[in-house]
Amino acid sequence: MRQMMIWGNLVQGQRQKRVEDEGVDLVPKSWELHKRSPGGETKVLAGGVLAYDVGKGAAIVYTNGNALFLLHPDGRKERLLNESMIEQVFFVPG
C-alpha cells in the first residue's frame, strides 16, 4: 500500500478503485477551492482539492491527489491526467 504525507496527515492509497477509472479523490471533499469576488461573495470551484495554481487568464490547474484538472475561466472543467499520488501542481510561464 502506498502512503503520502499531506499537511502533516498520513494518506494511504486505496486499491479498491483503479485511478484510471475514477481519478478518485485522495483527500476529503471538504478540502474545497473557493473563489471570492471583489464584492466579497464566495463560490466553490471544486471539492477534494489537494493542491492548485492559477495561470494566465485566470485558468486554474488543480489535483485531487489522483488526477490533474484544468478549470477554464468560463467554468469548464477538463481532466488532463490520471496518475496516483500527485502532491503538487504549478503552471509553467510560457
Protein backbone atom coordinates (compact mmCIF):
# COMPACT_ATOMS: atom_id res chain seq x y z
CA MET A 1 0.00 0.00 0.00
CA ARG A 2 1.37 3.42 -0.96
CA GLN A 3 1.46 6.28 1.54
CA MET A 4 1.98 10.04 1.36
CA MET A 5 2.22 12.81 3.96
CA ILE A 6 -0.16 15.71 3.21
CA TRP A 7 -0.20 18.71 5.56
CA GLY A 8 1.00 16.50 8.42
CA ASN A 9 -1.58 13.76 7.76
CA LEU A 10 -0.75 10.29 6.52
CA VAL A 11 -2.83 9.33 3.49
CA GLN A 12 -2.88 5.80 2.20
CA GLY A 13 -3.60 4.99 -1.44
CA GLN A 14 -6.70 2.90 -1.92
CA ARG A 15 -6.61 -0.12 -4.20
CA GLN A 16 -10.41 -0.52 -4.23
CA LYS A 17 -10.89 1.53 -7.41
CA ARG A 18 -8.47 1.95 -10.25
CA VAL A 19 -7.15 5.50 -10.62
CA GLU A 20 -7.67 5.29 -14.38
CA ASP A 21 -11.40 4.63 -13.91
CA GLU A 22 -12.37 7.34 -11.48
CA GLY A 23 -9.44 9.58 -10.51
CA VAL A 24 -10.92 9.23 -7.00
CA ASP A 25 -10.18 11.99 -4.52
CA LEU A 26 -7.22 11.27 -2.26
CA VAL A 27 -8.36 14.00 0.17
CA PRO A 28 -11.83 14.72 1.62
CA LYS A 29 -14.42 16.60 -0.46
CA SER A 30 -14.39 19.23 2.31
CA TRP A 31 -10.97 20.41 1.03
CA GLU A 32 -12.54 22.96 -1.29
CA LEU A 33 -11.18 25.58 -3.66
CA HIS A 34 -13.14 28.83 -3.37
CA LYS A 35 -13.26 31.99 -5.47
CA ARG A 36 -14.01 35.32 -3.79
CA SER A 37 -15.46 38.15 -5.87
CA PRO A 38 -14.45 41.80 -5.31
CA GLY A 39 -17.81 42.21 -3.55
CA GLY A 40 -16.91 39.52 -1.01
CA GLU A 41 -19.15 36.74 -2.34
CA THR A 42 -17.61 33.26 -2.38
CA LYS A 43 -18.18 30.42 -4.82
CA VAL A 44 -16.95 26.81 -4.54
CA LEU A 45 -14.97 25.92 -7.66
CA ALA A 46 -14.06 22.34 -6.75
CA GLY A 47 -14.04 19.87 -3.88
CA GLY A 48 -11.38 17.35 -2.89
CA VAL A 49 -8.58 19.78 -3.84
CA LEU A 50 -5.10 18.86 -2.62
CA ALA A 51 -3.06 21.49 -4.50
CA TYR A 52 -3.67 24.18 -7.13
CA ASP A 53 -2.09 27.02 -9.08
CA VAL A 54 -3.51 29.93 -11.08
CA GLY A 55 -2.14 30.69 -14.52
CA LYS A 56 -2.50 33.46 -17.08
CA GLY A 57 -6.07 34.42 -17.85
CA ALA A 58 -7.31 33.01 -14.52
CA ALA A 59 -7.11 29.36 -15.62
CA ILE A 60 -6.61 27.05 -12.63
CA VAL A 61 -4.82 23.73 -12.55
CA TYR A 62 -5.54 21.52 -9.53
CA THR A 63 -5.24 17.98 -8.26
CA ASN A 64 -7.29 15.74 -6.02
CA GLY A 65 -4.19 13.59 -5.48
CA ASN A 66 -5.05 11.05 -8.17
CA ALA A 67 -5.92 13.22 -11.18
CA LEU A 68 -4.96 16.58 -12.67
CA PHE A 69 -7.67 19.01 -13.77
CA LEU A 70 -7.78 22.29 -15.67
CA LEU A 71 -10.54 24.71 -14.70
CA HIS A 72 -11.05 27.16 -17.54
CA PRO A 73 -12.05 30.79 -16.84
CA ASP A 74 -15.52 30.04 -18.29
CA GLY A 75 -16.03 27.38 -15.59
CA ARG A 76 -15.48 24.36 -17.84
CA LYS A 77 -13.55 21.55 -16.11
CA GLU A 78 -11.16 19.32 -18.06
CA ARG A 79 -9.36 16.24 -16.77
CA LEU A 80 -5.78 16.33 -18.04
CA LEU A 81 -4.19 13.31 -16.40
CA ASN A 82 -4.89 10.33 -14.17
CA GLU A 83 -1.93 9.38 -12.01
CA SER A 84 -1.62 8.24 -8.42
CA MET A 85 -0.18 10.28 -5.54
CA ILE A 86 0.12 13.75 -7.14
CA GLU A 87 1.33 16.10 -4.38
CA GLN A 88 1.96 19.43 -6.11
CA VAL A 89 0.98 21.27 -9.29
CA PHE A 90 2.07 24.52 -10.95
CA PHE A 91 1.78 26.43 -14.19
CA VAL A 92 4.99 26.98 -16.11
CA PRO A 93 5.15 30.51 -17.58
CA GLY A 94 5.45 30.41 -21.30
